[in-house]
């Protein structure tokens, strides 16, 4: 379960994890371009995630892993190298959120997608290719198995109870624990901003002139 500090922020998570065997999984696979204008408030928005891999042309489900009964309620993805490469579309993160994905574990990420995850409350964890492969193998062997993630102490527990530490920028960690966006971070300095504005206006009268 999520342990909230702020609204939807979290310190730790224990959830079903899903093995995604797609190296270089780009954002067009995560959300095909034709769905970019679909409102995220659409009740069916969750279906855009991996749409062309999850659904046949008649709308029936394929054998894609996220359709498997044991993985349908997964909140953690364990992927291969270069997750989220390709275009910078933020909708890819929105598609993950619509499916309640909270954590993506991969050896590497597309830089922009990584930052989009951080800014929208999804924790991207970098672990080596070897470790990610070990985790995916365990998930295939025990469908529905959980991974425990502790963001505060920066480690995760695999399905076979082995602990792996991960690194994360201190500001990114702070943002995720508190569920802060860019505006939230700025508003933390509201008092200092007001004080600076007043002092600057007193020293430079022209700056305080209003119409």
N, C-alpha and C. Protein backbone atom coordinates (compact mmCIF):
# COMPACT_ATOMS: atom_id res chain seq x y z
N UNK A 1 0.83 -1.19 0.00
CA UNK A 1 0.00 0.00 0.00
C UNK A 1 0.87 1.24 0.00
N UNK A 2 0.36 2.33 -0.52
CA UNK A 2 1.07 3.59 -0.52
C UNK A 2 1.01 4.22 0.86
N UNK A 3 2.12 4.78 1.30
CA UNK A 3 2.15 5.50 2.56
C UNK A 3 2.28 6.98 2.24
N UNK A 4 1.18 7.69 2.33
CA UNK A 4 1.14 9.08 1.88
C UNK A 4 1.75 10.04 2.88
N UNK A 5 2.48 11.01 2.36
CA UNK A 5 2.92 12.14 3.16
C UNK A 5 2.14 13.36 2.72
N UNK A 6 2.15 13.61 1.41
CA UNK A 6 1.32 14.67 0.86
C UNK A 6 0.26 14.01 0.01
N UNK A 7 -0.45 14.79 -0.77
CA UNK A 7 -1.50 14.24 -1.62
C UNK A 7 -0.87 13.38 -2.70
N UNK A 8 -1.04 12.06 -2.59
CA UNK A 8 -0.54 11.09 -3.55
C UNK A 8 0.98 10.98 -3.56
N UNK A 9 1.67 11.67 -2.66
CA UNK A 9 3.10 11.44 -2.53
C UNK A 9 3.31 10.13 -1.80
N UNK A 10 4.52 9.57 -1.89
CA UNK A 10 4.73 8.32 -1.17
C UNK A 10 6.17 8.18 -0.70
N UNK A 11 6.31 7.42 0.39
CA UNK A 11 7.62 7.04 0.90
C UNK A 11 7.96 5.61 0.52
N UNK A 12 6.93 4.74 0.51
CA UNK A 12 7.18 3.34 0.20
C UNK A 12 5.97 2.73 -0.50
N UNK A 13 6.22 1.63 -1.19
CA UNK A 13 5.18 0.97 -1.97
C UNK A 13 5.48 -0.52 -2.05
N UNK A 14 4.48 -1.33 -1.85
CA UNK A 14 4.58 -2.77 -2.08
C UNK A 14 3.46 -3.12 -3.06
N UNK A 15 3.82 -3.60 -4.25
CA UNK A 15 2.81 -3.80 -5.28
C UNK A 15 3.22 -4.88 -6.26
N UNK A 16 2.24 -5.42 -6.97
CA UNK A 16 2.50 -6.38 -8.04
C UNK A 16 3.35 -5.71 -9.11
N UNK A 17 4.36 -6.42 -9.57
CA UNK A 17 5.26 -5.89 -10.58
C UNK A 17 5.08 -6.65 -11.89
N UNK A 18 5.25 -5.94 -13.00
CA UNK A 18 5.00 -6.48 -14.34
C UNK A 18 6.30 -6.49 -15.15
N UNK A 19 6.71 -7.63 -15.69
CA UNK A 19 7.91 -7.67 -16.53
C UNK A 19 7.59 -7.21 -17.95
N UNK A 20 8.29 -6.18 -18.40
CA UNK A 20 8.08 -5.66 -19.76
C UNK A 20 9.33 -5.97 -20.58
N UNK A 21 9.23 -6.94 -21.46
CA UNK A 21 10.39 -7.41 -22.23
C UNK A 21 10.52 -6.65 -23.54
N UNK A 22 10.66 -5.32 -23.47
CA UNK A 22 10.77 -4.50 -24.67
C UNK A 22 11.99 -3.58 -24.54
N UNK A 23 13.13 -3.97 -25.08
CA UNK A 23 14.26 -3.04 -25.07
C UNK A 23 13.95 -1.84 -25.96
N UNK A 24 14.46 -0.68 -25.59
CA UNK A 24 14.23 0.55 -26.36
C UNK A 24 12.74 0.82 -26.55
N UNK A 25 11.98 0.63 -25.50
CA UNK A 25 10.54 0.89 -25.56
C UNK A 25 10.30 2.39 -25.65
N UNK A 26 9.87 2.85 -26.82
CA UNK A 26 9.73 4.29 -27.01
C UNK A 26 8.34 4.78 -26.62
N UNK A 27 8.20 6.08 -26.57
CA UNK A 27 6.93 6.67 -26.12
C UNK A 27 5.80 6.42 -27.10
N UNK A 28 6.12 6.11 -28.36
CA UNK A 28 5.08 5.80 -29.33
C UNK A 28 4.48 4.42 -29.07
N UNK A 29 5.25 3.54 -28.46
CA UNK A 29 4.71 2.25 -28.05
C UNK A 29 3.90 2.41 -26.76
N UNK A 30 4.39 3.26 -25.87
CA UNK A 30 3.67 3.49 -24.62
C UNK A 30 2.31 4.14 -24.90
N UNK A 31 2.28 5.13 -25.79
CA UNK A 31 1.01 5.72 -26.23
C UNK A 31 1.14 6.10 -27.71
N UNK A 32 0.46 5.38 -28.58
CA UNK A 32 0.52 5.69 -30.02
C UNK A 32 0.07 7.13 -30.29
N UNK A 33 0.67 7.73 -31.30
CA UNK A 33 0.48 9.16 -31.58
C UNK A 33 -0.98 9.55 -31.80
N UNK A 34 -1.78 8.65 -32.33
CA UNK A 34 -3.18 9.02 -32.64
C UNK A 34 -4.00 9.27 -31.38
N UNK A 35 -3.47 8.90 -30.20
CA UNK A 35 -4.20 9.12 -28.96
C UNK A 35 -3.74 10.37 -28.21
N UNK A 36 -2.84 11.14 -28.79
CA UNK A 36 -2.27 12.27 -28.07
C UNK A 36 -3.30 13.36 -27.77
N UNK A 37 -4.35 13.44 -28.57
CA UNK A 37 -5.37 14.46 -28.33
C UNK A 37 -6.55 13.95 -27.50
N UNK A 38 -6.49 12.71 -27.13
CA UNK A 38 -7.58 12.16 -26.31
C UNK A 38 -7.49 12.73 -24.91
N UNK A 39 -8.58 13.29 -24.38
CA UNK A 39 -8.54 13.91 -23.05
C UNK A 39 -8.16 12.88 -21.98
N UNK A 40 -7.30 13.29 -21.07
CA UNK A 40 -6.90 12.36 -20.00
C UNK A 40 -8.06 12.11 -19.04
N UNK A 41 -9.11 12.91 -19.13
CA UNK A 41 -10.29 12.71 -18.29
C UNK A 41 -11.24 11.66 -18.86
N UNK A 42 -10.96 11.21 -20.08
CA UNK A 42 -11.78 10.18 -20.71
C UNK A 42 -11.71 8.90 -19.86
N UNK A 43 -12.85 8.32 -19.48
CA UNK A 43 -12.86 7.11 -18.66
C UNK A 43 -12.09 5.95 -19.28
N UNK A 44 -11.96 5.97 -20.62
CA UNK A 44 -11.24 4.90 -21.32
C UNK A 44 -9.77 5.23 -21.58
N UNK A 45 -9.30 6.32 -20.97
CA UNK A 45 -7.92 6.74 -21.26
C UNK A 45 -6.91 5.67 -20.88
N UNK A 46 -7.22 4.87 -19.87
CA UNK A 46 -6.28 3.84 -19.44
C UNK A 46 -5.95 2.87 -20.57
N UNK A 47 -6.86 2.74 -21.56
CA UNK A 47 -6.64 1.80 -22.64
C UNK A 47 -5.60 2.25 -23.65
N UNK A 48 -5.20 3.53 -23.60
CA UNK A 48 -4.22 3.99 -24.58
C UNK A 48 -2.83 3.44 -24.26
N UNK A 49 -2.60 3.05 -23.01
CA UNK A 49 -1.28 2.52 -22.63
C UNK A 49 -1.00 1.22 -23.38
N UNK A 50 0.08 1.21 -24.16
CA UNK A 50 0.46 0.03 -24.96
C UNK A 50 -0.70 -0.44 -25.84
N UNK A 51 -1.52 0.49 -26.31
CA UNK A 51 -2.76 0.12 -26.99
C UNK A 51 -2.56 -0.88 -28.11
N UNK A 52 -1.58 -0.62 -28.99
CA UNK A 52 -1.42 -1.48 -30.16
C UNK A 52 -0.81 -2.83 -29.81
N UNK A 53 -0.26 -2.95 -28.61
CA UNK A 53 0.27 -4.22 -28.13
C UNK A 53 -0.78 -4.99 -27.32
N UNK A 54 -1.70 -4.25 -26.71
CA UNK A 54 -2.70 -4.87 -25.82
C UNK A 54 -3.99 -5.26 -26.51
N UNK A 55 -4.30 -4.61 -27.66
CA UNK A 55 -5.61 -4.84 -28.28
C UNK A 55 -5.50 -5.17 -29.76
N UNK A 56 -6.36 -6.08 -30.18
CA UNK A 56 -6.49 -6.38 -31.60
C UNK A 56 -7.36 -5.31 -32.26
N UNK A 57 -7.47 -5.36 -33.58
CA UNK A 57 -8.26 -4.36 -34.31
C UNK A 57 -9.73 -4.40 -33.92
N UNK A 58 -10.22 -5.56 -33.51
CA UNK A 58 -11.63 -5.65 -33.11
C UNK A 58 -11.85 -5.27 -31.65
N UNK A 59 -10.79 -4.82 -30.97
CA UNK A 59 -10.91 -4.39 -29.59
C UNK A 59 -10.67 -5.48 -28.57
N UNK A 60 -10.55 -6.73 -29.01
CA UNK A 60 -10.28 -7.83 -28.09
C UNK A 60 -8.83 -7.76 -27.59
N UNK A 61 -8.60 -8.36 -26.44
CA UNK A 61 -7.27 -8.30 -25.84
C UNK A 61 -6.31 -9.30 -26.48
N UNK A 62 -5.06 -8.90 -26.59
CA UNK A 62 -4.00 -9.78 -27.07
C UNK A 62 -3.41 -10.53 -25.87
N UNK A 63 -2.33 -11.24 -26.12
CA UNK A 63 -1.67 -11.99 -25.05
C UNK A 63 -0.58 -11.15 -24.39
N UNK A 64 -0.61 -9.83 -24.59
CA UNK A 64 0.40 -8.96 -23.99
C UNK A 64 0.40 -9.10 -22.47
N UNK A 65 1.57 -9.01 -21.87
CA UNK A 65 1.74 -9.32 -20.46
C UNK A 65 0.81 -8.52 -19.54
N UNK A 66 0.56 -7.25 -19.87
CA UNK A 66 -0.26 -6.42 -18.97
C UNK A 66 -1.74 -6.82 -19.03
N UNK A 67 -2.09 -7.70 -19.98
CA UNK A 67 -3.45 -8.21 -20.05
C UNK A 67 -3.64 -9.48 -19.22
N UNK A 68 -2.53 -10.10 -18.82
CA UNK A 68 -2.61 -11.33 -18.05
C UNK A 68 -3.28 -11.06 -16.70
N UNK A 69 -4.13 -11.95 -16.28
CA UNK A 69 -4.88 -11.77 -15.04
C UNK A 69 -3.95 -11.47 -13.85
N UNK A 70 -2.83 -12.18 -13.77
CA UNK A 70 -1.92 -12.03 -12.62
C UNK A 70 -1.22 -10.67 -12.59
N UNK A 71 -1.16 -9.99 -13.76
CA UNK A 71 -0.42 -8.74 -13.84
C UNK A 71 -1.32 -7.51 -13.99
N UNK A 72 -2.63 -7.70 -14.17
CA UNK A 72 -3.52 -6.59 -14.49
C UNK A 72 -3.54 -5.50 -13.42
N UNK A 73 -3.31 -5.86 -12.18
CA UNK A 73 -3.33 -4.88 -11.10
C UNK A 73 -1.93 -4.41 -10.71
N UNK A 74 -0.97 -4.63 -11.59
CA UNK A 74 0.40 -4.21 -11.31
C UNK A 74 0.54 -2.70 -11.24
N UNK A 75 1.39 -2.25 -10.33
CA UNK A 75 1.68 -0.82 -10.19
C UNK A 75 3.16 -0.51 -10.42
N UNK A 76 3.93 -1.57 -10.71
CA UNK A 76 5.36 -1.41 -10.96
C UNK A 76 5.70 -2.11 -12.27
N UNK A 77 6.43 -1.42 -13.15
CA UNK A 77 6.94 -2.03 -14.37
C UNK A 77 8.44 -2.28 -14.19
N UNK A 78 8.89 -3.45 -14.63
CA UNK A 78 10.32 -3.72 -14.70
C UNK A 78 10.65 -3.94 -16.16
N UNK A 79 11.43 -3.06 -16.72
CA UNK A 79 11.64 -3.06 -18.17
C UNK A 79 13.10 -3.30 -18.52
N UNK A 80 13.38 -3.18 -19.82
CA UNK A 80 14.72 -3.36 -20.36
C UNK A 80 15.35 -1.99 -20.62
N UNK A 81 16.43 -1.97 -21.33
CA UNK A 81 17.20 -0.74 -21.55
C UNK A 81 16.40 0.33 -22.29
N UNK A 82 16.74 1.59 -21.99
CA UNK A 82 16.27 2.75 -22.75
C UNK A 82 14.76 2.91 -22.74
N UNK A 83 14.15 2.73 -21.58
CA UNK A 83 12.71 2.90 -21.44
C UNK A 83 12.31 4.36 -21.70
N UNK A 84 11.26 4.58 -22.48
CA UNK A 84 10.75 5.93 -22.70
C UNK A 84 11.59 6.76 -23.64
N UNK A 85 12.31 6.11 -24.55
CA UNK A 85 13.08 6.88 -25.53
C UNK A 85 12.13 7.43 -26.59
N UNK A 86 12.68 8.14 -27.57
CA UNK A 86 11.84 8.66 -28.65
C UNK A 86 11.32 10.05 -28.34
N UNK A 87 10.09 10.33 -28.72
CA UNK A 87 9.55 11.67 -28.60
C UNK A 87 9.39 12.06 -27.13
N UNK A 88 9.25 13.36 -26.90
CA UNK A 88 9.20 13.89 -25.53
C UNK A 88 7.79 13.90 -24.96
N UNK A 89 6.82 13.30 -25.64
CA UNK A 89 5.40 13.43 -25.26
C UNK A 89 5.16 13.08 -23.79
N UNK A 90 4.62 14.06 -23.06
CA UNK A 90 4.29 13.86 -21.65
C UNK A 90 3.10 12.92 -21.48
N UNK A 91 2.33 12.75 -22.55
CA UNK A 91 1.17 11.86 -22.51
C UNK A 91 1.55 10.43 -22.14
N UNK A 92 2.80 10.06 -22.43
CA UNK A 92 3.25 8.71 -22.09
C UNK A 92 3.19 8.49 -20.59
N UNK A 93 3.53 9.52 -19.83
CA UNK A 93 3.46 9.42 -18.38
C UNK A 93 2.00 9.43 -17.92
N UNK A 94 1.17 10.23 -18.59
CA UNK A 94 -0.24 10.28 -18.24
C UNK A 94 -0.90 8.91 -18.45
N UNK A 95 -0.47 8.20 -19.50
CA UNK A 95 -1.01 6.86 -19.76
C UNK A 95 -0.61 5.89 -18.66
N UNK A 96 0.61 6.03 -18.15
CA UNK A 96 1.05 5.20 -17.03
C UNK A 96 0.22 5.50 -15.78
N UNK A 97 0.03 6.79 -15.51
CA UNK A 97 -0.72 7.19 -14.32
C UNK A 97 -2.18 6.72 -14.40
N UNK A 98 -2.74 6.75 -15.59
CA UNK A 98 -4.13 6.31 -15.75
C UNK A 98 -4.30 4.84 -15.40
N UNK A 99 -3.18 4.09 -15.46
CA UNK A 99 -3.20 2.67 -15.12
C UNK A 99 -2.58 2.41 -13.74
N UNK A 100 -2.44 3.49 -12.97
CA UNK A 100 -1.96 3.41 -11.59
C UNK A 100 -0.51 2.89 -11.47
N UNK A 101 0.27 3.10 -12.52
CA UNK A 101 1.68 2.73 -12.44
C UNK A 101 2.41 3.79 -11.63
N UNK A 102 3.09 3.37 -10.58
CA UNK A 102 3.77 4.29 -9.66
C UNK A 102 5.28 4.27 -9.81
N UNK A 103 5.82 3.14 -10.29
CA UNK A 103 7.27 2.96 -10.37
C UNK A 103 7.61 2.25 -11.68
N UNK A 104 8.68 2.72 -12.33
CA UNK A 104 9.24 2.01 -13.48
C UNK A 104 10.71 1.74 -13.18
N UNK A 105 11.10 0.49 -13.26
CA UNK A 105 12.48 0.08 -13.00
C UNK A 105 13.10 -0.33 -14.33
N UNK A 106 14.25 0.25 -14.67
CA UNK A 106 14.90 -0.06 -15.94
C UNK A 106 16.38 0.27 -15.84
N UNK A 107 17.20 -0.31 -16.72
CA UNK A 107 18.63 0.01 -16.71
C UNK A 107 18.91 1.45 -17.14
N UNK A 108 18.07 1.98 -18.03
CA UNK A 108 18.26 3.35 -18.52
C UNK A 108 16.93 3.88 -19.03
N UNK A 109 16.85 5.22 -19.10
CA UNK A 109 15.62 5.90 -19.51
C UNK A 109 15.93 6.97 -20.54
N UNK A 110 14.95 7.27 -21.37
CA UNK A 110 15.05 8.48 -22.17
C UNK A 110 15.06 9.67 -21.22
N UNK A 111 15.97 10.61 -21.41
CA UNK A 111 16.16 11.69 -20.44
C UNK A 111 14.88 12.50 -20.20
N UNK A 112 14.20 12.89 -21.27
CA UNK A 112 13.00 13.71 -21.12
C UNK A 112 11.89 12.92 -20.44
N UNK A 113 11.74 11.67 -20.82
CA UNK A 113 10.71 10.84 -20.20
C UNK A 113 11.00 10.66 -18.70
N UNK A 114 12.27 10.49 -18.36
CA UNK A 114 12.65 10.36 -16.95
C UNK A 114 12.19 11.58 -16.16
N UNK A 115 12.47 12.75 -16.70
CA UNK A 115 12.07 13.99 -16.02
C UNK A 115 10.55 14.15 -15.98
N UNK A 116 9.88 13.73 -17.05
CA UNK A 116 8.41 13.79 -17.05
C UNK A 116 7.83 12.89 -15.97
N UNK A 117 8.45 11.75 -15.75
CA UNK A 117 8.00 10.85 -14.68
C UNK A 117 8.12 11.54 -13.33
N UNK A 118 9.29 12.11 -13.06
CA UNK A 118 9.53 12.79 -11.79
C UNK A 118 8.51 13.89 -11.56
N UNK A 119 8.26 14.70 -12.59
CA UNK A 119 7.38 15.84 -12.45
C UNK A 119 5.91 15.45 -12.29
N UNK A 120 5.59 14.21 -12.63
CA UNK A 120 4.20 13.77 -12.55
C UNK A 120 3.98 12.65 -11.54
N UNK A 121 4.92 12.48 -10.61
CA UNK A 121 4.70 11.59 -9.49
C UNK A 121 4.99 10.12 -9.71
N UNK A 122 5.72 9.79 -10.79
CA UNK A 122 6.12 8.40 -11.02
C UNK A 122 7.62 8.27 -10.74
N UNK A 123 7.99 7.26 -9.96
CA UNK A 123 9.38 7.05 -9.59
C UNK A 123 10.10 6.20 -10.63
N UNK A 124 11.10 6.75 -11.35
CA UNK A 124 11.92 5.96 -12.25
C UNK A 124 13.17 5.49 -11.51
N UNK A 125 13.40 4.20 -11.50
CA UNK A 125 14.55 3.63 -10.79
C UNK A 125 15.51 3.02 -11.79
N UNK A 126 16.77 3.42 -11.73
CA UNK A 126 17.80 2.83 -12.58
C UNK A 126 18.53 1.73 -11.82
N UNK A 127 18.49 0.53 -12.37
CA UNK A 127 19.29 -0.59 -11.88
C UNK A 127 19.99 -1.22 -13.08
N UNK A 128 21.00 -2.00 -12.85
CA UNK A 128 21.78 -2.57 -13.95
C UNK A 128 20.92 -3.51 -14.79
N UNK A 129 21.37 -3.75 -16.02
CA UNK A 129 20.65 -4.68 -16.90
C UNK A 129 20.57 -6.07 -16.28
N UNK A 130 21.64 -6.46 -15.61
CA UNK A 130 21.68 -7.79 -14.98
C UNK A 130 20.61 -7.90 -13.90
N UNK A 131 20.52 -6.88 -13.05
CA UNK A 131 19.53 -6.91 -11.96
C UNK A 131 18.11 -6.86 -12.51
N UNK A 132 17.88 -6.01 -13.51
CA UNK A 132 16.54 -5.92 -14.10
C UNK A 132 16.12 -7.25 -14.73
N UNK A 133 17.08 -7.92 -15.36
CA UNK A 133 16.79 -9.24 -15.95
C UNK A 133 16.44 -10.24 -14.84
N UNK A 134 17.17 -10.20 -13.74
CA UNK A 134 16.89 -11.09 -12.61
C UNK A 134 15.47 -10.84 -12.08
N UNK A 135 15.12 -9.57 -11.94
CA UNK A 135 13.79 -9.23 -11.44
C UNK A 135 12.70 -9.70 -12.39
N UNK A 136 12.89 -9.47 -13.69
CA UNK A 136 11.89 -9.90 -14.66
C UNK A 136 11.72 -11.42 -14.66
N UNK A 137 12.83 -12.14 -14.56
CA UNK A 137 12.76 -13.61 -14.52
C UNK A 137 11.96 -14.07 -13.30
N UNK A 138 12.18 -13.43 -12.17
CA UNK A 138 11.44 -13.80 -10.96
C UNK A 138 9.95 -13.53 -11.13
N UNK A 139 9.62 -12.44 -11.80
CA UNK A 139 8.21 -12.09 -12.01
C UNK A 139 7.53 -13.07 -12.95
N UNK A 140 8.25 -13.55 -13.96
CA UNK A 140 7.69 -14.56 -14.86
C UNK A 140 7.50 -15.88 -14.12
N UNK A 141 8.43 -16.19 -13.25
CA UNK A 141 8.36 -17.45 -12.51
C UNK A 141 7.23 -17.44 -11.47
N UNK A 142 6.91 -16.24 -10.96
CA UNK A 142 5.87 -16.11 -9.93
C UNK A 142 4.93 -14.97 -10.31
N UNK A 143 4.07 -15.18 -11.31
CA UNK A 143 3.15 -14.11 -11.74
C UNK A 143 2.32 -13.60 -10.57
N UNK A 144 2.25 -12.28 -10.45
CA UNK A 144 1.53 -11.67 -9.34
C UNK A 144 2.40 -11.37 -8.14
N UNK A 145 3.70 -11.70 -8.25
CA UNK A 145 4.63 -11.41 -7.15
C UNK A 145 4.80 -9.91 -6.99
N UNK A 146 5.13 -9.50 -5.78
CA UNK A 146 5.27 -8.09 -5.46
C UNK A 146 6.73 -7.69 -5.29
N UNK A 147 6.98 -6.42 -5.58
CA UNK A 147 8.26 -5.79 -5.27
C UNK A 147 7.98 -4.68 -4.27
N UNK A 148 8.82 -4.59 -3.25
CA UNK A 148 8.69 -3.52 -2.27
C UNK A 148 9.70 -2.43 -2.60
N UNK A 149 9.23 -1.20 -2.65
CA UNK A 149 10.09 -0.05 -2.95
C UNK A 149 10.04 0.92 -1.77
N UNK A 150 11.20 1.27 -1.27
CA UNK A 150 11.30 2.26 -0.20
C UNK A 150 12.05 3.47 -0.75
N UNK A 151 11.30 4.50 -1.10
CA UNK A 151 11.91 5.70 -1.67
C UNK A 151 12.70 6.47 -0.62
N UNK A 152 12.16 6.53 0.60
CA UNK A 152 12.82 7.30 1.65
C UNK A 152 14.22 6.78 1.91
N UNK A 153 14.38 5.45 1.96
CA UNK A 153 15.69 4.86 2.26
C UNK A 153 16.41 4.35 1.01
N UNK A 154 15.76 4.48 -0.13
CA UNK A 154 16.36 4.21 -1.44
C UNK A 154 16.80 2.75 -1.62
N UNK A 155 15.86 1.85 -1.42
CA UNK A 155 16.13 0.45 -1.73
C UNK A 155 14.83 -0.23 -2.15
N UNK A 156 14.97 -1.38 -2.79
CA UNK A 156 13.80 -2.19 -3.11
C UNK A 156 14.08 -3.63 -2.70
N UNK A 157 13.01 -4.37 -2.48
CA UNK A 157 13.09 -5.78 -2.12
C UNK A 157 12.47 -6.59 -3.25
N UNK A 158 13.23 -7.51 -3.81
CA UNK A 158 12.78 -8.32 -4.93
C UNK A 158 11.80 -9.40 -4.46
N UNK A 159 11.14 -10.08 -5.39
CA UNK A 159 10.22 -11.15 -5.00
C UNK A 159 10.88 -12.25 -4.17
N UNK A 160 12.20 -12.46 -4.36
CA UNK A 160 12.88 -13.48 -3.56
C UNK A 160 13.58 -12.89 -2.33
N UNK A 161 13.13 -11.66 -1.97
CA UNK A 161 13.53 -11.00 -0.71
C UNK A 161 14.97 -10.47 -0.71
N UNK A 162 15.56 -10.30 -1.87
CA UNK A 162 16.88 -9.69 -1.92
C UNK A 162 16.75 -8.18 -2.03
N UNK A 163 17.62 -7.45 -1.34
CA UNK A 163 17.55 -6.00 -1.34
C UNK A 163 18.52 -5.41 -2.37
N UNK A 164 18.03 -4.40 -3.09
CA UNK A 164 18.86 -3.66 -4.04
C UNK A 164 18.71 -2.18 -3.74
N UNK A 165 19.84 -1.48 -3.63
CA UNK A 165 19.82 -0.04 -3.41
C UNK A 165 19.78 0.69 -4.75
N UNK A 166 19.19 1.87 -4.75
CA UNK A 166 19.17 2.68 -5.96
C UNK A 166 19.47 4.14 -5.61
N UNK A 167 19.96 4.87 -6.59
CA UNK A 167 20.28 6.28 -6.42
C UNK A 167 19.18 7.15 -7.03
N UNK A 168 19.00 8.32 -6.45
CA UNK A 168 18.06 9.30 -6.99
C UNK A 168 18.50 10.68 -6.53
N UNK A 169 18.36 11.66 -7.38
CA UNK A 169 18.71 13.03 -7.02
C UNK A 169 17.89 13.47 -5.81
N UNK A 170 18.52 14.18 -4.90
CA UNK A 170 17.84 14.56 -3.64
C UNK A 170 16.61 15.42 -3.89
N UNK A 171 16.67 16.32 -4.89
CA UNK A 171 15.51 17.16 -5.18
C UNK A 171 14.38 16.33 -5.79
N UNK A 172 14.73 15.39 -6.67
CA UNK A 172 13.71 14.52 -7.26
C UNK A 172 13.03 13.69 -6.17
N UNK A 173 13.81 13.20 -5.24
CA UNK A 173 13.27 12.42 -4.12
C UNK A 173 12.31 13.27 -3.29
N UNK A 174 12.71 14.50 -3.02
CA UNK A 174 11.88 15.42 -2.23
C UNK A 174 10.56 15.69 -2.94
N UNK A 175 10.63 15.89 -4.24
CA UNK A 175 9.43 16.16 -5.02
C UNK A 175 8.46 14.99 -4.95
N UNK A 176 8.97 13.78 -5.11
CA UNK A 176 8.11 12.60 -5.15
C UNK A 176 7.48 12.31 -3.80
N UNK A 177 8.26 12.45 -2.74
CA UNK A 177 7.72 12.19 -1.40
C UNK A 177 6.61 13.16 -1.07
N UNK A 178 6.75 14.40 -1.54
CA UNK A 178 5.75 15.43 -1.23
C UNK A 178 4.75 15.67 -2.35
N UNK A 179 4.93 14.95 -3.47
CA UNK A 179 4.06 15.14 -4.64
C UNK A 179 4.06 16.60 -5.09
N UNK A 180 5.26 17.17 -5.23
CA UNK A 180 5.41 18.57 -5.62
C UNK A 180 5.66 18.69 -7.12
N UNK A 181 4.96 19.65 -7.76
CA UNK A 181 5.31 20.02 -9.13
C UNK A 181 6.18 21.27 -9.08
N UNK A 182 6.49 21.84 -10.25
CA UNK A 182 7.37 23.01 -10.30
C UNK A 182 6.78 24.18 -9.52
N UNK A 183 5.48 24.38 -9.64
CA UNK A 183 4.83 25.49 -8.94
C UNK A 183 4.89 25.29 -7.43
N UNK A 184 4.68 24.06 -6.98
CA UNK A 184 4.75 23.77 -5.55
C UNK A 184 6.13 24.11 -4.99
N UNK A 185 7.17 23.76 -5.74
CA UNK A 185 8.53 24.05 -5.30
C UNK A 185 8.77 25.55 -5.18
N UNK A 186 8.25 26.29 -6.15
CA UNK A 186 8.40 27.75 -6.12
C UNK A 186 7.65 28.35 -4.94
N UNK A 187 6.44 27.85 -4.68
CA UNK A 187 5.61 28.41 -3.62
C UNK A 187 6.20 28.17 -2.23
N UNK A 188 7.12 27.24 -2.13
CA UNK A 188 7.79 27.04 -0.84
C UNK A 188 8.61 28.26 -0.45
N UNK A 189 8.95 29.07 -1.45
CA UNK A 189 9.77 30.25 -1.20
C UNK A 189 8.94 31.54 -1.31
N UNK A 190 7.63 31.42 -1.13
CA UNK A 190 6.75 32.59 -1.25
C UNK A 190 7.17 33.71 -0.33
N UNK A 191 7.45 33.40 0.93
CA UNK A 191 7.83 34.43 1.90
C UNK A 191 9.10 35.15 1.46
N UNK A 192 10.10 34.36 1.03
CA UNK A 192 11.37 34.95 0.58
C UNK A 192 11.16 35.80 -0.67
N UNK A 193 10.30 35.35 -1.57
CA UNK A 193 10.02 36.10 -2.80
C UNK A 193 9.36 37.44 -2.48
N UNK A 194 8.39 37.41 -1.57
CA UNK A 194 7.71 38.64 -1.16
C UNK A 194 8.68 39.60 -0.50
N UNK A 195 9.51 39.09 0.39
CA UNK A 195 10.49 39.94 1.07
C UNK A 195 11.46 40.56 0.09
N UNK A 196 11.93 39.75 -0.86
CA UNK A 196 12.86 40.27 -1.86
C UNK A 196 12.20 41.37 -2.69
N UNK A 197 10.95 41.13 -3.09
CA UNK A 197 10.22 42.09 -3.92
C UNK A 197 10.07 43.43 -3.19
N UNK A 198 9.76 43.37 -1.91
CA UNK A 198 9.59 44.59 -1.12
C UNK A 198 10.90 45.35 -0.98
N UNK A 199 11.96 44.63 -0.64
CA UNK A 199 13.28 45.27 -0.47
C UNK A 199 13.78 45.84 -1.79
N UNK A 200 13.62 45.06 -2.87
CA UNK A 200 14.07 45.52 -4.18
C UNK A 200 13.30 46.76 -4.61
N UNK A 201 11.98 46.77 -4.30
CA UNK A 201 11.15 47.93 -4.65
C UNK A 201 11.56 49.17 -3.90
N UNK A 202 11.99 49.01 -2.64
CA UNK A 202 12.43 50.15 -1.84
C UNK A 202 13.76 50.71 -2.35
N UNK A 203 14.62 49.82 -2.82
CA UNK A 203 15.93 50.26 -3.31
C UNK A 203 15.87 50.79 -4.72
N UNK A 204 14.92 50.29 -5.47
CA UNK A 204 14.78 50.70 -6.88
C UNK A 204 13.34 51.11 -7.09
N UNK A 205 13.04 52.36 -6.82
CA UNK A 205 11.65 52.82 -6.82
C UNK A 205 10.95 52.58 -8.16
N UNK A 206 11.74 52.66 -9.25
CA UNK A 206 11.15 52.46 -10.56
C UNK A 206 10.53 51.08 -10.70
N UNK A 207 11.10 50.09 -9.97
CA UNK A 207 10.61 48.71 -10.09
C UNK A 207 9.27 48.52 -9.41
N UNK A 208 8.89 49.43 -8.52
CA UNK A 208 7.64 49.31 -7.79
C UNK A 208 6.52 50.15 -8.39
N UNK A 209 6.82 50.88 -9.48
CA UNK A 209 5.81 51.73 -10.11
C UNK A 209 4.83 50.85 -10.86
N UNK A 210 3.55 51.07 -10.63
CA UNK A 210 2.51 50.32 -11.35
C UNK A 210 1.60 51.29 -12.07
N UNK A 211 0.93 50.81 -13.11
CA UNK A 211 0.00 51.67 -13.85
C UNK A 211 -1.25 51.97 -13.05
